Amino acid sequence: MSSAAAPHGRVLAALRSLNLSMGYVMRITQGTFSFLPELTDDEISLQIDYALGQGWACSIEFTDDPHPRNTYWDMWGLPMFDLHDAAGVMQEVNACRAARPQHYIKINAFDSVRGFETMRLSFIVNRPTEEPGFRLTRQDGTGRVQRYGLSSYASDRPSGERYGPAR
């Protein structure tokens, strides 16, 4: 290791040690509120009330592969276009949590107004107890070309068995 690279390695090791000693745990950060602490059910209900008050339809999705490029999560039930109370959405969230406790679950709020027709709000409401994170992979190409990519540690295991104790 060169002398120029050694301080950088020591800094990274010190940061890792500090993060572990402070109880820092890697978390997937996707959607609104992802950098905030976990929302309570009451706070989730308030966000749902806001979305419904805007006339947005709520839907629930889940996955065990939260890779940033995985935009196709599985849908729990159908979108709830006719609901006007957060209790109905929370009932479905709790049913999804009970059926898929070790999955990522998110709520989406869709604006169906012509001209928008887009997702206006999306946030994670459930996570696995352990989030293993991602690895950075490097491929050396011809010349000095290097390509980098992300792969989830969770995807080393088959779908449906990605979280929880190894078998």
Protein backbone atom coordinates (compact mmCIF):
# COMPACT_ATOMS: atom_id res chain seq x y z
CA MET A 1 0.00 0.00 0.00
CA SER A 2 1.40 3.38 -0.92
CA SER A 3 1.96 6.00 1.73
CA ALA A 4 -0.65 8.23 0.10
CA ALA A 5 -3.30 5.50 0.29
CA ALA A 6 -2.51 4.46 3.87
CA PRO A 7 -4.04 7.54 5.59
CA HIS A 8 -7.20 7.15 3.51
CA GLY A 9 -7.50 3.51 4.62
CA ARG A 10 -6.94 4.47 8.26
CA VAL A 11 -9.64 7.17 8.00
CA LEU A 12 -12.14 4.68 6.54
CA ALA A 13 -11.33 2.13 9.25
CA ALA A 14 -11.78 4.80 11.93
CA LEU A 15 -15.13 5.85 10.45
CA ARG A 16 -16.35 2.24 10.34
CA SER A 17 -15.28 1.75 13.93
CA LEU A 18 -17.00 4.99 14.99
CA ASN A 19 -20.21 4.07 13.16
CA LEU A 20 -20.30 0.63 14.79
CA SER A 21 -19.57 2.02 18.25
CA MET A 22 -22.37 4.58 17.82
CA GLY A 23 -24.79 1.83 16.83
CA TYR A 24 -25.03 3.02 13.22
CA VAL A 25 -26.75 0.50 11.01
CA MET A 26 -26.95 0.62 7.21
CA ARG A 27 -30.45 1.50 6.03
CA ILE A 28 -31.96 1.55 2.58
CA THR A 29 -32.85 5.14 1.74
CA GLN A 30 -35.59 5.20 -0.86
CA GLY A 31 -38.54 7.52 -1.08
CA THR A 32 -39.76 10.39 1.04
CA PHE A 33 -38.64 10.50 4.70
CA SER A 34 -35.91 7.90 4.10
CA PHE A 35 -33.25 9.88 5.95
CA LEU A 36 -35.47 10.42 8.99
CA PRO A 37 -35.99 8.00 11.87
CA GLU A 38 -38.69 5.38 11.34
CA LEU A 39 -42.22 6.79 11.33
CA THR A 40 -44.64 5.59 13.98
CA ASP A 41 -48.02 4.25 12.92
CA ASP A 42 -49.61 7.54 14.04
CA GLU A 43 -47.18 9.51 11.86
CA ILE A 44 -47.83 7.14 8.95
CA SER A 45 -51.58 7.71 9.39
CA LEU A 46 -51.05 11.47 9.25
CA GLN A 47 -49.15 11.14 5.97
CA ILE A 48 -51.91 8.93 4.55
CA ASP A 49 -54.53 11.48 5.66
CA TYR A 50 -52.56 14.18 3.84
CA ALA A 51 -52.38 12.09 0.65
CA LEU A 52 -56.07 11.23 0.76
CA GLY A 53 -56.90 14.90 1.43
CA GLN A 54 -55.07 15.77 -1.80
CA GLY A 55 -57.25 13.27 -3.68
CA TRP A 56 -54.40 10.81 -4.23
CA ALA A 57 -55.00 7.06 -4.29
CA CYS A 58 -52.87 4.95 -1.96
CA SER A 59 -51.35 1.60 -2.73
CA ILE A 60 -49.04 -0.76 -0.85
CA GLU A 61 -46.04 -2.58 -2.32
CA PHE A 62 -43.47 -4.99 -0.88
CA THR A 63 -40.16 -6.56 -1.92
CA ASP A 64 -37.20 -8.48 -0.57
CA ASP A 65 -34.88 -6.98 -3.21
CA PRO A 66 -34.64 -3.23 -2.57
CA HIS A 67 -31.94 -2.55 -5.17
CA PRO A 68 -32.30 1.09 -6.30
CA ARG A 69 -32.94 -0.05 -9.88
CA ASN A 70 -35.65 -2.50 -8.82
CA THR A 71 -38.63 -0.27 -9.49
CA TYR A 72 -41.05 -3.19 -9.79
CA TRP A 73 -42.11 -4.13 -6.27
CA ASP A 74 -44.98 -6.58 -5.71
CA MET A 75 -48.33 -4.92 -5.12
CA TRP A 76 -50.33 -5.81 -2.01
CA GLY A 77 -53.96 -5.88 -3.09
CA LEU A 78 -55.30 -3.25 -5.45
CA PRO A 79 -54.81 0.52 -5.37
CA MET A 80 -57.30 2.11 -2.99
CA PHE A 81 -58.94 4.76 -5.19
CA ASP A 82 -62.15 4.99 -3.17
CA LEU A 83 -60.80 5.33 0.39
CA HIS A 84 -61.15 8.56 2.33
CA ASP A 85 -59.85 7.42 5.73
CA ALA A 86 -56.32 6.41 6.72
CA ALA A 87 -57.66 3.54 8.84
CA GLY A 88 -58.43 1.48 5.72
CA VAL A 89 -54.90 1.92 4.36
CA MET A 90 -53.38 1.16 7.77
CA GLN A 91 -55.47 -2.02 7.96
CA GLU A 92 -53.89 -3.17 4.69
CA VAL A 93 -50.40 -2.09 5.84
CA ASN A 94 -50.79 -4.17 9.01
CA ALA A 95 -52.05 -7.16 7.01
CA CYS A 96 -49.02 -6.88 4.71
CA ARG A 97 -46.69 -6.56 7.72
CA ALA A 98 -48.22 -9.71 9.23
CA ALA A 99 -47.85 -11.68 5.98
CA ARG A 100 -44.42 -10.28 5.01
CA PRO A 101 -42.62 -9.27 8.24
CA GLN A 102 -39.10 -9.57 6.75
CA HIS A 103 -39.82 -7.52 3.63
CA TYR A 104 -39.61 -3.87 2.73
CA ILE A 105 -43.10 -2.41 2.55
CA LYS A 106 -43.92 1.01 1.17
CA ILE A 107 -46.96 3.18 0.70
CA ASN A 108 -47.41 5.01 -2.59
CA ALA A 109 -49.77 7.93 -3.19
CA PHE A 110 -50.79 8.28 -6.83
CA ASP A 111 -52.24 11.44 -8.35
CA SER A 112 -54.59 10.42 -11.16
CA VAL A 113 -55.41 13.95 -12.30
CA ARG A 114 -54.94 14.26 -16.04
CA GLY A 115 -51.69 16.04 -16.73
CA PHE A 116 -50.00 14.70 -13.59
CA GLU A 117 -50.78 10.96 -13.46
CA THR A 118 -47.75 10.27 -11.33
CA MET A 119 -46.57 9.09 -7.93
CA ARG A 120 -46.68 12.07 -5.59
CA LEU A 121 -45.55 10.41 -2.36
CA SER A 122 -43.80 7.14 -1.58
CA PHE A 123 -42.23 6.00 1.69
CA ILE A 124 -41.08 2.83 3.42
CA VAL A 125 -43.20 1.69 6.38
CA ASN A 126 -41.58 -1.68 7.15
CA ARG A 127 -38.06 -3.08 6.95
CA PRO A 128 -36.46 -6.45 7.67
CA THR A 129 -34.85 -6.72 11.11
CA GLU A 130 -31.46 -7.02 9.41
CA GLU A 131 -30.49 -4.99 6.33
CA PRO A 132 -27.31 -6.56 4.93
CA GLY A 133 -26.51 -3.76 2.47
CA PHE A 134 -24.80 -3.68 -0.92
CA ARG A 135 -21.39 -4.53 -2.30
CA LEU A 136 -19.55 -2.45 -4.85
CA THR A 137 -18.30 -4.58 -7.72
CA ARG A 138 -15.59 -3.52 -10.13
CA GLN A 139 -14.84 -4.81 -13.60
CA ASP A 140 -11.61 -3.95 -15.33
CA GLY A 141 -12.07 -3.39 -19.05
CA THR A 142 -9.63 -2.89 -21.86
CA GLY A 143 -7.04 -0.25 -21.26
CA ARG A 144 -7.68 1.52 -17.99
CA VAL A 145 -11.49 1.38 -18.14
CA GLN A 146 -13.17 0.43 -14.88
CA ARG A 147 -16.87 -0.18 -14.48
CA TYR A 148 -18.63 -0.20 -11.13
CA GLY A 149 -21.92 -1.67 -10.09
CA LEU A 150 -23.97 -2.40 -6.98
CA SER A 151 -25.26 -5.79 -5.94
CA SER A 152 -27.30 -6.55 -2.87
CA TYR A 153 -25.93 -9.00 -0.31
CA ALA A 154 -29.54 -10.10 0.14
CA SER A 155 -29.73 -11.30 -3.47
CA ASP A 156 -27.12 -13.98 -2.67
CA ARG A 157 -30.05 -15.96 -1.26
CA PRO A 158 -33.22 -17.04 -3.11
CA SER A 159 -36.29 -14.82 -3.19
CA GLY A 160 -38.38 -15.25 -0.05
CA GLU A 161 -35.35 -16.30 2.04
CA ARG A 162 -33.23 -13.17 1.76
CA TYR A 163 -33.70 -11.88 5.29
CA GLY A 164 -33.53 -13.53 8.64
CA PRO A 165 -31.16 -16.25 9.86
CA ALA A 166 -29.24 -18.23 7.27
CA ARG A 167 -30.40 -21.83 6.86
